[in-house]
Amino acid sequence: MEDYNSRPLDTLNAARNKNVMVDMKNGYRYTGKLIAFDIHVNVVLNDAEEFQNGEAKRKLGTVFIRGDTITIINTT
């Protein structure tokens, strides 16, 4: 059972080394393995892919995503 009383960074820490989906303010979506994050929710994904309008656009490898551009992070 999940602990819904955990802090947001605890939830991100539990998702480390797992595949995540990151939705952006600009409508793009990135998927990949969450490697690292910081207190600003800047994240690093490995084996990242970029999607726009539900369509895969390109494979990016390792990416850094600035936290203030993220709307949702979801484990896949």
C-alpha atoms as a PDB file:
ATOM      1  CA  MET A   1       0.000   0.000   0.000  1.00  0.00           C
ATOM      2  CA  GLU A   2       1.272   3.471  -0.858  1.00  0.00           C
ATOM      3  CA  ASP A   3       2.005   6.046   1.816  1.00  0.00           C
ATOM      4  CA  TYR A   4      -0.009   9.140   0.904  1.00  0.00           C
ATOM      5  CA  ASN A   5       1.471  11.082   3.820  1.00  0.00           C
ATOM      6  CA  SER A   6       4.937  11.145   2.282  1.00  0.00           C
ATOM      7  CA  ARG A   7       6.510  14.353   1.046  1.00  0.00           C
ATOM      8  CA  PRO A   8       6.812  15.002  -2.710  1.00  0.00           C
ATOM      9  CA  LEU A   9      10.575  14.508  -2.722  1.00  0.00           C
ATOM     10  CA  ASP A  10      10.118  11.182  -0.882  1.00  0.00           C
ATOM     11  CA  THR A  11       7.789  10.096  -3.680  1.00  0.00           C
ATOM     12  CA  LEU A  12      10.363  11.107  -6.293  1.00  0.00           C
ATOM     13  CA  ASN A  13      13.065   9.254  -4.385  1.00  0.00           C
ATOM     14  CA  ALA A  14      10.905   6.095  -4.460  1.00  0.00           C
ATOM     15  CA  ALA A  15      10.668   6.508  -8.269  1.00  0.00           C
ATOM     16  CA  ARG A  16      14.451   6.748  -8.735  1.00  0.00           C
ATOM     17  CA  ASN A  17      15.767   4.178 -11.234  1.00  0.00           C
ATOM     18  CA  LYS A  18      12.214   3.520 -12.445  1.00  0.00           C
ATOM     19  CA  ASN A  19      10.570   4.563 -15.679  1.00  0.00           C
ATOM     20  CA  VAL A  20       8.616   7.795 -15.438  1.00  0.00           C
ATOM     21  CA  MET A  21       6.514   9.995 -17.688  1.00  0.00           C
ATOM     22  CA  VAL A  22       7.082  13.759 -17.425  1.00  0.00           C
ATOM     23  CA  ASP A  23       4.461  16.146 -18.835  1.00  0.00           C
ATOM     24  CA  MET A  24       5.574  19.672 -19.645  1.00  0.00           C
ATOM     25  CA  LYS A  25       3.855  23.064 -19.664  1.00  0.00           C
ATOM     26  CA  ASN A  26       4.536  23.325 -23.414  1.00  0.00           C
ATOM     27  CA  GLY A  27       2.565  20.126 -24.149  1.00  0.00           C
ATOM     28  CA  TYR A  28       5.555  17.861 -24.672  1.00  0.00           C
ATOM     29  CA  ARG A  29       5.977  14.599 -22.786  1.00  0.00           C
ATOM     30  CA  TYR A  30       9.200  12.801 -21.941  1.00  0.00           C
ATOM     31  CA  THR A  31       9.585   9.217 -20.824  1.00  0.00           C
ATOM     32  CA  GLY A  32      12.683   7.577 -19.410  1.00  0.00           C
ATOM     33  CA  LYS A  33      14.397   6.245 -16.308  1.00  0.00           C
ATOM     34  CA  LEU A  34      14.564   8.776 -13.457  1.00  0.00           C
ATOM     35  CA  ILE A  35      18.233   9.000 -12.531  1.00  0.00           C
ATOM     36  CA  ALA A  36      18.394  12.109 -10.343  1.00  0.00           C
ATOM     37  CA  PHE A  37      16.449  15.118  -9.065  1.00  0.00           C
ATOM     38  CA  ASP A  38      16.955  18.053  -6.719  1.00  0.00           C
ATOM     39  CA  ILE A  39      14.874  20.217  -4.376  1.00  0.00           C
ATOM     40  CA  HIS A  40      13.690  22.312  -7.347  1.00  0.00           C
ATOM     41  CA  VAL A  41      12.353  19.135  -9.014  1.00  0.00           C
ATOM     42  CA  ASN A  42      14.882  19.472 -11.807  1.00  0.00           C
ATOM     43  CA  VAL A  43      15.152  15.923 -13.097  1.00  0.00           C
ATOM     44  CA  VAL A  44      17.582  13.813 -15.106  1.00  0.00           C
ATOM     45  CA  LEU A  45      16.187  11.022 -17.283  1.00  0.00           C
ATOM     46  CA  ASN A  46      18.178   8.297 -18.994  1.00  0.00           C
ATOM     47  CA  ASP A  47      17.040   6.607 -22.240  1.00  0.00           C
ATOM     48  CA  ALA A  48      14.622   9.516 -22.710  1.00  0.00           C
ATOM     49  CA  GLU A  49      12.099   9.783 -25.533  1.00  0.00           C
ATOM     50  CA  GLU A  50      10.226  12.929 -26.531  1.00  0.00           C
ATOM     51  CA  PHE A  51       6.523  12.915 -27.440  1.00  0.00           C
ATOM     52  CA  GLN A  52       4.296  15.626 -28.874  1.00  0.00           C
ATOM     53  CA  ASN A  53       0.526  15.185 -29.282  1.00  0.00           C
ATOM     54  CA  GLY A  54       0.928  11.539 -28.274  1.00  0.00           C
ATOM     55  CA  GLU A  55       3.359  10.872 -31.120  1.00  0.00           C
ATOM     56  CA  ALA A  56       6.974   9.826 -30.546  1.00  0.00           C
ATOM     57  CA  LYS A  57       9.258  12.516 -31.979  1.00  0.00           C
ATOM     58  CA  ARG A  58      12.798  11.449 -31.086  1.00  0.00           C
ATOM     59  CA  LYS A  59      15.043   9.462 -28.782  1.00  0.00           C
ATOM     60  CA  LEU A  60      17.258  11.743 -26.716  1.00  0.00           C
ATOM     61  CA  GLY A  61      19.367   9.578 -24.412  1.00  0.00           C
ATOM     62  CA  THR A  62      20.171  11.436 -21.187  1.00  0.00           C
ATOM     63  CA  VAL A  63      18.291  14.701 -20.591  1.00  0.00           C
ATOM     64  CA  PHE A  64      18.038  17.349 -17.887  1.00  0.00           C
ATOM     65  CA  ILE A  65      14.556  18.826 -17.440  1.00  0.00           C
ATOM     66  CA  ARG A  66      14.099  22.043 -15.527  1.00  0.00           C
ATOM     67  CA  GLY A  67      11.600  21.643 -12.690  1.00  0.00           C
ATOM     68  CA  ASP A  68       9.643  24.843 -13.321  1.00  0.00           C
ATOM     69  CA  THR A  69       8.630  23.546 -16.780  1.00  0.00           C
ATOM     70  CA  ILE A  70       7.101  20.302 -15.426  1.00  0.00           C
ATOM     71  CA  THR A  71       3.388  19.859 -14.731  1.00  0.00           C
ATOM     72  CA  ILE A  72       3.206  16.123 -13.891  1.00  0.00           C
ATOM     73  CA  ILE A  73       5.605  13.283 -13.124  1.00  0.00           C
ATOM     74  CA  ASN A  74       4.068   9.828 -13.219  1.00  0.00           C
ATOM     75  CA  THR A  75       5.599   6.384 -12.760  1.00  0.00           C
ATOM     76  CA  THR A  76       4.850   4.124 -15.715  1.00  0.00           C
END
